[in-house]
Amino acid sequence: MNAQESRYEKARKLGARALQLAHGAPVLIETEHTQPILIAAEEYDAGVLPFTVKRGDHK
């Protein structure tokens, strides 16, 4: 998790990626895991998740 990212953003990224994997998306890293959430977590740790977070202006 980078310094600007909240735990909720991390959870959202992991959940979205795990859902993609469960529906047949290609795995972006070499891994021994077969469960989508574990693959997503490993991809997150490797820094290869294809997601960005856009934050709105909170004025």
PDB file of N, CA and C in Angstrom:
ATOM      1  N   MET A   1       0.850  -1.172   0.000  1.00  0.00           N
ATOM      2  CA  MET A   1       0.000   0.000   0.000  1.00  0.00           C
ATOM      3  C   MET A   1       0.897   1.238   0.000  1.00  0.00           C
ATOM      4  N   ASN A   2       0.625   2.138  -0.943  1.00  0.00           N
ATOM      5  CA  ASN A   2       1.451   3.338  -0.955  1.00  0.00           C
ATOM      6  C   ASN A   2       0.991   4.302   0.130  1.00  0.00           C
ATOM      7  N   ALA A   3       1.763   5.339   0.370  1.00  0.00           N
ATOM      8  CA  ALA A   3       1.520   6.238   1.493  1.00  0.00           C
ATOM      9  C   ALA A   3       0.198   6.995   1.360  1.00  0.00           C
ATOM     10  N   GLN A   4      -0.278   7.230   0.148  1.00  0.00           N
ATOM     11  CA  GLN A   4      -1.496   7.994  -0.061  1.00  0.00           C
ATOM     12  C   GLN A   4      -2.759   7.137  -0.131  1.00  0.00           C
ATOM     13  N   GLU A   5      -2.619   5.843  -0.171  1.00  0.00           N
ATOM     14  CA  GLU A   5      -3.747   4.947  -0.385  1.00  0.00           C
ATOM     15  C   GLU A   5      -4.331   4.455   0.936  1.00  0.00           C
ATOM     16  N   SER A   6      -5.653   4.530   1.058  1.00  0.00           N
ATOM     17  CA  SER A   6      -6.290   4.048   2.280  1.00  0.00           C
ATOM     18  C   SER A   6      -6.504   2.537   2.196  1.00  0.00           C
ATOM     19  N   ARG A   7      -6.797   1.935   3.315  1.00  0.00           N
ATOM     20  CA  ARG A   7      -7.046   0.494   3.336  1.00  0.00           C
ATOM     21  C   ARG A   7      -8.316   0.154   2.567  1.00  0.00           C
ATOM     22  N   TYR A   8      -9.239   1.101   2.479  1.00  0.00           N
ATOM     23  CA  TYR A   8     -10.472   0.878   1.732  1.00  0.00           C
ATOM     24  C   TYR A   8     -10.196   0.849   0.227  1.00  0.00           C
ATOM     25  N   GLU A   9      -9.317   1.723  -0.215  1.00  0.00           N
ATOM     26  CA  GLU A   9      -8.926   1.717  -1.629  1.00  0.00           C
ATOM     27  C   GLU A   9      -8.205   0.425  -1.977  1.00  0.00           C
ATOM     28  N   LYS A  10      -7.346  -0.020  -1.084  1.00  0.00           N
ATOM     29  CA  LYS A  10      -6.652  -1.283  -1.316  1.00  0.00           C
ATOM     30  C   LYS A  10      -7.646  -2.433  -1.395  1.00  0.00           C
ATOM     31  N   ALA A  11      -8.595  -2.475  -0.473  1.00  0.00           N
ATOM     32  CA  ALA A  11      -9.600  -3.541  -0.465  1.00  0.00           C
ATOM     33  C   ALA A  11     -10.434  -3.503  -1.737  1.00  0.00           C
ATOM     34  N   ARG A  12     -10.773  -2.315  -2.201  1.00  0.00           N
ATOM     35  CA  ARG A  12     -11.570  -2.174  -3.421  1.00  0.00           C
ATOM     36  C   ARG A  12     -10.801  -2.677  -4.636  1.00  0.00           C
ATOM     37  N   LYS A  13      -9.514  -2.335  -4.711  1.00  0.00           N
ATOM     38  CA  LYS A  13      -8.673  -2.801  -5.817  1.00  0.00           C
ATOM     39  C   LYS A  13      -8.551  -4.321  -5.812  1.00  0.00           C
ATOM     40  N   LEU A  14      -8.284  -4.881  -4.631  1.00  0.00           N
ATOM     41  CA  LEU A  14      -8.133  -6.331  -4.539  1.00  0.00           C
ATOM     42  C   LEU A  14      -9.426  -7.050  -4.890  1.00  0.00           C
ATOM     43  N   GLY A  15     -10.544  -6.542  -4.409  1.00  0.00           N
ATOM     44  CA  GLY A  15     -11.829  -7.156  -4.698  1.00  0.00           C
ATOM     45  C   GLY A  15     -12.173  -7.093  -6.179  1.00  0.00           C
ATOM     46  N   ALA A  16     -11.928  -5.946  -6.791  1.00  0.00           N
ATOM     47  CA  ALA A  16     -12.217  -5.789  -8.216  1.00  0.00           C
ATOM     48  C   ALA A  16     -11.333  -6.708  -9.053  1.00  0.00           C
ATOM     49  N   ARG A  17     -10.074  -6.791  -8.693  1.00  0.00           N
ATOM     50  CA  ARG A  17      -9.149  -7.648  -9.449  1.00  0.00           C
ATOM     51  C   ARG A  17      -9.491  -9.121  -9.248  1.00  0.00           C
ATOM     52  N   ALA A  18      -9.845  -9.518  -8.034  1.00  0.00           N
ATOM     53  CA  ALA A  18     -10.217 -10.905  -7.775  1.00  0.00           C
ATOM     54  C   ALA A  18     -11.453 -11.288  -8.596  1.00  0.00           C
ATOM     55  N   LEU A  19     -12.395 -10.378  -8.725  1.00  0.00           N
ATOM     56  CA  LEU A  19     -13.582 -10.635  -9.532  1.00  0.00           C
ATOM     57  C   LEU A  19     -13.206 -10.811 -11.008  1.00  0.00           C
ATOM     58  N   GLN A  20     -12.304  -9.964 -11.498  1.00  0.00           N
ATOM     59  CA  GLN A  20     -11.831 -10.111 -12.877  1.00  0.00           C
ATOM     60  C   GLN A  20     -11.200 -11.484 -13.079  1.00  0.00           C
ATOM     61  N   LEU A  21     -10.354 -11.885 -12.154  1.00  0.00           N
ATOM     62  CA  LEU A  21      -9.678 -13.177 -12.248  1.00  0.00           C
ATOM     63  C   LEU A  21     -10.669 -14.338 -12.205  1.00  0.00           C
ATOM     64  N   ALA A  22     -11.673 -14.218 -11.353  1.00  0.00           N
ATOM     65  CA  ALA A  22     -12.683 -15.262 -11.235  1.00  0.00           C
ATOM     66  C   ALA A  22     -13.478 -15.426 -12.529  1.00  0.00           C
ATOM     67  N   HIS A  23     -13.551 -14.352 -13.312  1.00  0.00           N
ATOM     68  CA  HIS A  23     -14.280 -14.385 -14.584  1.00  0.00           C
ATOM     69  C   HIS A  23     -13.358 -14.654 -15.771  1.00  0.00           C
ATOM     70  N   GLY A  24     -12.124 -15.052 -15.496  1.00  0.00           N
ATOM     71  CA  GLY A  24     -11.238 -15.505 -16.563  1.00  0.00           C
ATOM     72  C   GLY A  24     -10.189 -14.534 -17.061  1.00  0.00           C
ATOM     73  N   ALA A  25      -9.998 -13.418 -16.385  1.00  0.00           N
ATOM     74  CA  ALA A  25      -8.959 -12.474 -16.807  1.00  0.00           C
ATOM     75  C   ALA A  25      -7.585 -13.128 -16.677  1.00  0.00           C
ATOM     76  N   PRO A  26      -6.644 -12.752 -17.530  1.00  0.00           N
ATOM     77  CA  PRO A  26      -5.311 -13.352 -17.440  1.00  0.00           C
ATOM     78  C   PRO A  26      -4.567 -12.914 -16.170  1.00  0.00           C
ATOM     79  N   VAL A  27      -3.795 -13.821 -15.621  1.00  0.00           N
ATOM     80  CA  VAL A  27      -2.976 -13.535 -14.448  1.00  0.00           C
ATOM     81  C   VAL A  27      -1.737 -12.777 -14.919  1.00  0.00           C
ATOM     82  N   LEU A  28      -1.372 -11.703 -14.211  1.00  0.00           N
ATOM     83  CA  LEU A  28      -0.296 -10.821 -14.641  1.00  0.00           C
ATOM     84  C   LEU A  28       1.082 -11.204 -14.111  1.00  0.00           C
ATOM     85  N   ILE A  29       1.138 -12.195 -13.224  1.00  0.00           N
ATOM     86  CA  ILE A  29       2.411 -12.619 -12.633  1.00  0.00           C
ATOM     87  C   ILE A  29       2.459 -14.138 -12.575  1.00  0.00           C
ATOM     88  N   GLU A  30       3.635 -14.669 -12.350  1.00  0.00           N
ATOM     89  CA  GLU A  30       3.780 -16.104 -12.093  1.00  0.00           C
ATOM     90  C   GLU A  30       3.447 -16.339 -10.627  1.00  0.00           C
ATOM     91  N   THR A  31       2.560 -17.307 -10.371  1.00  0.00           N
ATOM     92  CA  THR A  31       2.160 -17.584  -9.000  1.00  0.00           C
ATOM     93  C   THR A  31       1.770 -19.045  -8.846  1.00  0.00           C
ATOM     94  N   GLU A  32       1.864 -19.519  -7.632  1.00  0.00           N
ATOM     95  CA  GLU A  32       1.450 -20.878  -7.303  1.00  0.00           C
ATOM     96  C   GLU A  32      -0.006 -20.910  -6.844  1.00  0.00           C
ATOM     97  N   HIS A  33      -0.571 -19.740  -6.537  1.00  0.00           N
ATOM     98  CA  HIS A  33      -1.927 -19.670  -6.002  1.00  0.00           C
ATOM     99  C   HIS A  33      -2.963 -19.956  -7.086  1.00  0.00           C
ATOM    100  N   THR A  34      -4.112 -20.472  -6.638  1.00  0.00           N
ATOM    101  CA  THR A  34      -5.228 -20.719  -7.549  1.00  0.00           C
ATOM    102  C   THR A  34      -6.463 -19.916  -7.169  1.00  0.00           C
ATOM    103  N   GLN A  35      -6.524 -19.403  -5.939  1.00  0.00           N
ATOM    104  CA  GLN A  35      -7.669 -18.606  -5.499  1.00  0.00           C
ATOM    105  C   GLN A  35      -7.513 -17.168  -5.992  1.00  0.00           C
ATOM    106  N   PRO A  36      -8.548 -16.617  -6.626  1.00  0.00           N
ATOM    107  CA  PRO A  36      -8.446 -15.271  -7.198  1.00  0.00           C
ATOM    108  C   PRO A  36      -8.014 -14.193  -6.206  1.00  0.00           C
ATOM    109  N   ILE A  37      -8.501 -14.232  -4.973  1.00  0.00           N
ATOM    110  CA  ILE A  37      -8.134 -13.186  -4.013  1.00  0.00           C
ATOM    111  C   ILE A  37      -6.652 -13.253  -3.659  1.00  0.00           C
ATOM    112  N   LEU A  38      -6.102 -14.457  -3.592  1.00  0.00           N
ATOM    113  CA  LEU A  38      -4.681 -14.601  -3.277  1.00  0.00           C
ATOM    114  C   LEU A  38      -3.812 -14.162  -4.460  1.00  0.00           C
ATOM    115  N   ILE A  39      -4.277 -14.457  -5.663  1.00  0.00           N
ATOM    116  CA  ILE A  39      -3.557 -13.998  -6.860  1.00  0.00           C
ATOM    117  C   ILE A  39      -3.591 -12.472  -6.916  1.00  0.00           C
ATOM    118  N   ALA A  40      -4.766 -11.889  -6.656  1.00  0.00           N
ATOM    119  CA  ALA A  40      -4.902 -10.432  -6.665  1.00  0.00           C
ATOM    120  C   ALA A  40      -3.977  -9.786  -5.630  1.00  0.00           C
ATOM    121  N   ALA A  41      -3.894 -10.375  -4.446  1.00  0.00           N
ATOM    122  CA  ALA A  41      -3.019  -9.839  -3.398  1.00  0.00           C
ATOM    123  C   ALA A  41      -1.554  -9.914  -3.824  1.00  0.00           C
ATOM    124  N   GLU A  42      -1.185 -10.994  -4.470  1.00  0.00           N
ATOM    125  CA  GLU A  42       0.197 -11.137  -4.929  1.00  0.00           C
ATOM    126  C   GLU A  42       0.497 -10.135  -6.054  1.00  0.00           C
ATOM    127  N   GLU A  43      -0.462  -9.931  -6.935  1.00  0.00           N
ATOM    128  CA  GLU A  43      -0.293  -8.928  -7.990  1.00  0.00           C
ATOM    129  C   GLU A  43      -0.177  -7.534  -7.378  1.00  0.00           C
ATOM    130  N   TYR A  44      -0.973  -7.257  -6.364  1.00  0.00           N
ATOM    131  CA  TYR A  44      -0.903  -5.967  -5.669  1.00  0.00           C
ATOM    132  C   TYR A  44       0.487  -5.748  -5.071  1.00  0.00           C
ATOM    133  N   ASP A  45       0.975  -6.768  -4.387  1.00  0.00           N
ATOM    134  CA  ASP A  45       2.302  -6.667  -3.766  1.00  0.00           C
ATOM    135  C   ASP A  45       3.396  -6.466  -4.811  1.00  0.00           C
ATOM    136  N   ALA A  46       3.193  -7.035  -6.011  1.00  0.00           N
ATOM    137  CA  ALA A  46       4.172  -6.885  -7.095  1.00  0.00           C
ATOM    138  C   ALA A  46       4.025  -5.541  -7.805  1.00  0.00           C
ATOM    139  N   GLY A  47       2.939  -4.821  -7.521  1.00  0.00           N
ATOM    140  CA  GLY A  47       2.740  -3.505  -8.128  1.00  0.00           C
ATOM    141  C   GLY A  47       2.283  -3.539  -9.578  1.00  0.00           C
ATOM    142  N   VAL A  48       1.580  -4.598  -9.975  1.00  0.00           N
ATOM    143  CA  VAL A  48       1.170  -4.722 -11.375  1.00  0.00           C
ATOM    144  C   VAL A  48      -0.335  -4.601 -11.595  1.00  0.00           C
ATOM    145  N   LEU A  49      -1.092  -4.216 -10.577  1.00  0.00           N
ATOM    146  CA  LEU A  49      -2.535  -4.096 -10.762  1.00  0.00           C
ATOM    147  C   LEU A  49      -2.851  -2.949 -11.721  1.00  0.00           C
ATOM    148  N   PRO A  50      -3.761  -3.201 -12.670  1.00  0.00           N
ATOM    149  CA  PRO A  50      -4.073  -2.178 -13.677  1.00  0.00           C
ATOM    150  C   PRO A  50      -5.156  -1.203 -13.222  1.00  0.00           C
ATOM    151  N   PHE A  51      -5.040  -0.670 -12.012  1.00  0.00           N
ATOM    152  CA  PHE A  51      -6.038   0.242 -11.482  1.00  0.00           C
ATOM    153  C   PHE A  51      -5.389   1.526 -10.999  1.00  0.00           C
ATOM    154  N   THR A  52      -6.129   2.620 -11.131  1.00  0.00           N
ATOM    155  CA  THR A  52      -5.739   3.872 -10.515  1.00  0.00           C
ATOM    156  C   THR A  52      -6.939   4.388  -9.730  1.00  0.00           C
ATOM    157  N   VAL A  53      -6.682   5.224  -8.757  1.00  0.00           N
ATOM    158  CA  VAL A  53      -7.743   5.778  -7.935  1.00  0.00           C
ATOM    159  C   VAL A  53      -7.829   7.274  -8.223  1.00  0.00           C
ATOM    160  N   LYS A  54      -9.020   7.723  -8.588  1.00  0.00           N
ATOM    161  CA  LYS A  54      -9.248   9.149  -8.778  1.00  0.00           C
ATOM    162  C   LYS A  54     -10.046   9.637  -7.593  1.00  0.00           C
ATOM    163  N   ARG A  55      -9.547  10.653  -6.934  1.00  0.00           N
ATOM    164  CA  ARG A  55     -10.237  11.211  -5.782  1.00  0.00           C
ATOM    165  C   ARG A  55     -10.879  12.524  -6.190  1.00  0.00           C
ATOM    166  N   GLY A  56     -12.078  12.749  -5.673  1.00  0.00           N
ATOM    167  CA  GLY A  56     -12.782  13.997  -5.967  1.00  0.00           C
ATOM    168  C   GLY A  56     -12.294  15.106  -5.056  1.00  0.00           C
ATOM    169  N   ASP A  57     -12.733  16.307  -5.369  1.00  0.00           N
ATOM    170  CA  ASP A  57     -12.410  17.467  -4.545  1.00  0.00           C
ATOM    171  C   ASP A  57     -13.403  17.524  -3.399  1.00  0.00           C
ATOM    172  N   HIS A  58     -12.924  17.459  -2.172  1.00  0.00           N
ATOM    173  CA  HIS A  58     -13.797  17.408  -1.000  1.00  0.00           C
ATOM    174  C   HIS A  58     -13.949  18.775  -0.344  1.00  0.00           C
ATOM    175  N   LYS A  59     -14.426  19.746  -1.072  1.00  0.00           N
ATOM    176  CA  LYS A  59     -14.597  21.096  -0.499  1.00  0.00           C
ATOM    177  C   LYS A  59     -15.979  21.290   0.008  1.00  0.00           C
TER     178      LYS A  59
END
